[in-house]
PDB file of N, CA and C in Angstrom:
ATOM      1  N   MET A   1    -108.080 -62.496 -13.606  1.00  0.00           N
ATOM      2  CA  MET A   1    -109.243 -61.999 -13.145  1.00  0.00           C
ATOM      3  C   MET A   1    -109.407 -60.436 -13.226  1.00  0.00           C
ATOM      4  N   ALA A   2    -108.388 -59.746 -12.925  1.00  0.00           N
ATOM      5  CA  ALA A   2    -108.520 -58.241 -12.860  1.00  0.00           C
ATOM      6  C   ALA A   2    -108.535 -57.834 -14.378  1.00  0.00           C
ATOM      7  N   GLU A   3    -107.856 -58.563 -15.128  1.00  0.00           N
ATOM      8  CA  GLU A   3    -107.702 -58.170 -16.600  1.00  0.00           C
ATOM      9  C   GLU A   3    -109.066 -58.334 -17.259  1.00  0.00           C
ATOM     10  N   SER A   4    -109.845 -59.438 -16.926  1.00  0.00           N
ATOM     11  CA  SER A   4    -111.216 -59.513 -17.598  1.00  0.00           C
ATOM     12  C   SER A   4    -112.075 -58.382 -17.025  1.00  0.00           C
ATOM     13  N   LYS A   5    -111.966 -57.939 -15.769  1.00  0.00           N
ATOM     14  CA  LYS A   5    -112.808 -56.920 -15.266  1.00  0.00           C
ATOM     15  C   LYS A   5    -112.601 -55.626 -15.915  1.00  0.00           C
ATOM     16  N   SER A   6    -111.255 -55.258 -16.116  1.00  0.00           N
ATOM     17  CA  SER A   6    -110.913 -54.003 -16.841  1.00  0.00           C
ATOM     18  C   SER A   6    -111.373 -54.080 -18.264  1.00  0.00           C
ATOM     19  N   LYS A   7    -111.317 -55.213 -18.879  1.00  0.00           N
ATOM     20  CA  LYS A   7    -111.705 -55.384 -20.205  1.00  0.00           C
ATOM     21  C   LYS A   7    -113.193 -55.117 -20.301  1.00  0.00           C
ATOM     22  N   GLU A   8    -113.886 -55.605 -19.425  1.00  0.00           N
ATOM     23  CA  GLU A   8    -115.337 -55.444 -19.351  1.00  0.00           C
ATOM     24  C   GLU A   8    -115.763 -53.942 -19.203  1.00  0.00           C
ATOM     25  N   LYS A   9    -115.066 -53.242 -18.364  1.00  0.00           N
ATOM     26  CA  LYS A   9    -115.344 -51.806 -18.215  1.00  0.00           C
ATOM     27  C   LYS A   9    -114.906 -51.124 -19.540  1.00  0.00           C
ATOM     28  N   PHE A  10    -113.861 -51.420 -20.167  1.00  0.00           N
ATOM     29  CA  PHE A  10    -113.417 -50.803 -21.219  1.00  0.00           C
ATOM     30  C   PHE A  10    -114.556 -51.076 -22.503  1.00  0.00           C
ATOM     31  N   ASP A  11    -115.103 -52.212 -22.539  1.00  0.00           N
ATOM     32  CA  ASP A  11    -116.140 -52.499 -23.521  1.00  0.00           C
ATOM     33  C   ASP A  11    -117.338 -51.647 -23.091  1.00  0.00           C
ATOM     34  N   ILE A  12    -117.782 -51.553 -21.985  1.00  0.00           N
ATOM     35  CA  ILE A  12    -118.909 -50.718 -21.655  1.00  0.00           C
ATOM     36  C   ILE A  12    -118.683 -49.284 -22.080  1.00  0.00           C
ATOM     37  N   LYS A  13    -117.456 -48.802 -21.711  1.00  0.00           N
ATOM     38  CA  LYS A  13    -117.104 -47.447 -22.041  1.00  0.00           C
ATOM     39  C   LYS A  13    -117.098 -47.199 -23.600  1.00  0.00           C
ATOM     40  N   HIS A  14    -116.494 -48.162 -24.305  1.00  0.00           N
ATOM     41  CA  HIS A  14    -116.429 -48.106 -25.656  1.00  0.00           C
ATOM     42  C   HIS A  14    -117.801 -47.992 -26.382  1.00  0.00           C
ATOM     43  N   THR A  15    -118.736 -48.912 -25.889  1.00  0.00           N
ATOM     44  CA  THR A  15    -120.097 -49.028 -26.347  1.00  0.00           C
ATOM     45  C   THR A  15    -120.682 -47.621 -26.152  1.00  0.00           C
ATOM     46  N   PHE A  16    -120.542 -47.164 -25.010  1.00  0.00           N
ATOM     47  CA  PHE A  16    -121.158 -45.733 -24.636  1.00  0.00           C
ATOM     48  C   PHE A  16    -120.747 -44.722 -25.549  1.00  0.00           C
ATOM     49  N   LEU A  17    -119.309 -44.740 -25.886  1.00  0.00           N
ATOM     50  CA  LEU A  17    -118.800 -43.710 -26.693  1.00  0.00           C
ATOM     51  C   LEU A  17    -119.376 -43.789 -28.193  1.00  0.00           C
ATOM     52  N   ILE A  18    -119.510 -45.061 -28.650  1.00  0.00           N
ATOM     53  CA  ILE A  18    -120.011 -45.240 -29.947  1.00  0.00           C
ATOM     54  C   ILE A  18    -121.606 -44.837 -30.089  1.00  0.00           C
ATOM     55  N   GLY A  19    -122.289 -45.113 -29.002  1.00  0.00           N
ATOM     56  CA  GLY A  19    -123.680 -44.608 -28.909  1.00  0.00           C
ATOM     57  C   GLY A  19    -123.794 -43.247 -28.904  1.00  0.00           C
ATOM     58  N   LEU A  20    -122.941 -42.540 -28.109  1.00  0.00           N
ATOM     59  CA  LEU A  20    -122.919 -41.056 -28.019  1.00  0.00           C
ATOM     60  C   LEU A  20    -122.558 -40.535 -29.327  1.00  0.00           C
ATOM     61  N   ALA A  21    -121.605 -40.856 -29.941  1.00  0.00           N
ATOM     62  CA  ALA A  21    -121.132 -40.390 -31.251  1.00  0.00           C
ATOM     63  C   ALA A  21    -122.277 -40.573 -32.235  1.00  0.00           C
ATOM     64  N   PHE A  22    -123.048 -41.753 -32.250  1.00  0.00           N
ATOM     65  CA  PHE A  22    -124.094 -42.072 -33.235  1.00  0.00           C
ATOM     66  C   PHE A  22    -125.327 -41.001 -32.861  1.00  0.00           C
ATOM     67  N   PHE A  23    -125.536 -40.882 -31.727  1.00  0.00           N
ATOM     68  CA  PHE A  23    -126.607 -39.950 -31.286  1.00  0.00           C
ATOM     69  C   PHE A  23    -126.323 -38.498 -31.584  1.00  0.00           C
ATOM     70  N   THR A  24    -125.096 -38.151 -31.361  1.00  0.00           N
ATOM     71  CA  THR A  24    -124.649 -36.760 -31.849  1.00  0.00           C
ATOM     72  C   THR A  24    -124.863 -36.612 -33.235  1.00  0.00           C
ATOM     73  N   THR A  25    -124.443 -37.570 -34.136  1.00  0.00           N
ATOM     74  CA  THR A  25    -124.367 -37.500 -35.533  1.00  0.00           C
ATOM     75  C   THR A  25    -125.812 -37.423 -35.942  1.00  0.00           C
ATOM     76  N   ILE A  26    -126.810 -37.962 -35.420  1.00  0.00           N
ATOM     77  CA  ILE A  26    -128.138 -37.852 -35.736  1.00  0.00           C
ATOM     78  C   ILE A  26    -128.785 -36.481 -35.432  1.00  0.00           C
ATOM     79  N   ILE A  27    -128.295 -35.970 -34.311  1.00  0.00           N
ATOM     80  CA  ILE A  27    -128.832 -34.596 -33.923  1.00  0.00           C
ATOM     81  C   ILE A  27    -128.222 -33.501 -34.832  1.00  0.00           C
ATOM     82  N   ILE A  28    -127.018 -33.660 -35.239  1.00  0.00           N
ATOM     83  CA  ILE A  28    -126.261 -32.688 -36.100  1.00  0.00           C
ATOM     84  C   ILE A  28    -126.891 -32.732 -37.554  1.00  0.00           C
ATOM     85  N   GLU A  29    -127.260 -33.959 -38.032  1.00  0.00           N
ATOM     86  CA  GLU A  29    -127.907 -34.099 -39.238  1.00  0.00           C
ATOM     87  C   GLU A  29    -129.263 -33.435 -39.295  1.00  0.00           C
ATOM     88  N   ALA A  30    -130.044 -33.733 -38.184  1.00  0.00           N
ATOM     89  CA  ALA A  30    -131.326 -33.071 -37.999  1.00  0.00           C
ATOM     90  C   ALA A  30    -131.246 -31.463 -38.070  1.00  0.00           C
ATOM     91  N   ILE A  31    -130.204 -30.993 -37.459  1.00  0.00           N
ATOM     92  CA  ILE A  31    -130.052 -29.502 -37.403  1.00  0.00           C
ATOM     93  C   ILE A  31    -129.723 -28.992 -38.824  1.00  0.00           C
ATOM     94  N   ILE A  32    -128.732 -29.777 -39.401  1.00  0.00           N
ATOM     95  CA  ILE A  32    -128.405 -29.309 -40.797  1.00  0.00           C
ATOM     96  C   ILE A  32    -129.595 -29.249 -41.736  1.00  0.00           C
ATOM     97  N   LYS A  33    -130.420 -30.380 -41.575  1.00  0.00           N
ATOM     98  CA  LYS A  33    -131.645 -30.558 -42.420  1.00  0.00           C
ATOM     99  C   LYS A  33    -132.580 -29.399 -42.210  1.00  0.00           C
ATOM    100  N   ILE A  34    -132.762 -28.928 -41.010  1.00  0.00           N
ATOM    101  CA  ILE A  34    -133.720 -27.815 -40.654  1.00  0.00           C
ATOM    102  C   ILE A  34    -132.989 -26.589 -41.260  1.00  0.00           C
ATOM    103  N   HIS A  35    -131.803 -26.404 -41.064  1.00  0.00           N
ATOM    104  CA  HIS A  35    -131.060 -25.123 -41.528  1.00  0.00           C
ATOM    105  C   HIS A  35    -131.122 -25.036 -43.016  1.00  0.00           C
ATOM    106  N   CYS A  36    -130.924 -26.139 -43.760  1.00  0.00           N
ATOM    107  CA  CYS A  36    -130.716 -26.199 -45.131  1.00  0.00           C
ATOM    108  C   CYS A  36    -132.073 -26.290 -45.996  1.00  0.00           C
ATOM    109  N   ASN A  37    -133.125 -26.743 -45.397  1.00  0.00           N
ATOM    110  CA  ASN A  37    -134.329 -26.953 -46.106  1.00  0.00           C
ATOM    111  C   ASN A  37    -135.193 -25.654 -46.013  1.00  0.00           C
ATOM    112  N   PRO A  38    -135.379 -24.932 -47.058  1.00  0.00           N
ATOM    113  CA  PRO A  38    -136.116 -23.625 -46.935  1.00  0.00           C
ATOM    114  C   PRO A  38    -137.669 -23.865 -46.852  1.00  0.00           C
ATOM    115  N   ARG A  39    -138.054 -25.086 -46.944  1.00  0.00           N
ATOM    116  CA  ARG A  39    -139.531 -25.277 -46.799  1.00  0.00           C
ATOM    117  C   ARG A  39    -140.025 -25.339 -45.206  1.00  0.00           C
ATOM    118  N   THR A  40    -138.944 -25.671 -44.345  1.00  0.00           N
ATOM    119  CA  THR A  40    -139.289 -25.641 -42.951  1.00  0.00           C
ATOM    120  C   THR A  40    -139.429 -24.293 -42.399  1.00  0.00           C
ATOM    121  N   PRO A  41    -140.441 -23.948 -41.686  1.00  0.00           N
ATOM    122  CA  PRO A  41    -140.641 -22.551 -41.182  1.00  0.00           C
ATOM    123  C   PRO A  41    -139.657 -22.107 -40.181  1.00  0.00           C
ATOM    124  N   GLU A  42    -139.030 -23.050 -39.499  1.00  0.00           N
ATOM    125  CA  GLU A  42    -138.015 -22.703 -38.477  1.00  0.00           C
ATOM    126  C   GLU A  42    -136.614 -22.557 -39.016  1.00  0.00           C
ATOM    127  N   ALA A  43    -136.429 -22.740 -40.341  1.00  0.00           N
ATOM    128  CA  ALA A  43    -135.193 -22.563 -40.992  1.00  0.00           C
ATOM    129  C   ALA A  43    -134.716 -21.043 -40.876  1.00  0.00           C
ATOM    130  N   LYS A  44    -133.455 -20.845 -40.558  1.00  0.00           N
ATOM    131  CA  LYS A  44    -132.940 -19.516 -40.462  1.00  0.00           C
ATOM    132  C   LYS A  44    -131.665 -19.421 -41.253  1.00  0.00           C
ATOM    133  N   PRO A  45    -131.439 -18.376 -42.043  1.00  0.00           N
ATOM    134  CA  PRO A  45    -130.025 -18.236 -42.729  1.00  0.00           C
ATOM    135  C   PRO A  45    -128.986 -18.075 -41.747  1.00  0.00           C
ATOM    136  N   ILE A  46    -127.862 -18.884 -42.038  1.00  0.00           N
ATOM    137  CA  ILE A  46    -126.800 -18.713 -41.182  1.00  0.00           C
ATOM    138  C   ILE A  46    -125.946 -17.630 -41.572  1.00  0.00           C
TER     139      ILE A  46
END
């Protein structure tokens, strides 16, 4: 019984980490696009 409960907690944590990594990747890609695309007015040279 205790094993299934800890497994459930692990699955929730694991799903959360995957979601967080996916979300972070989208944000990083958006920042890179803004920085690398010269047509966007907010683009700044690094």
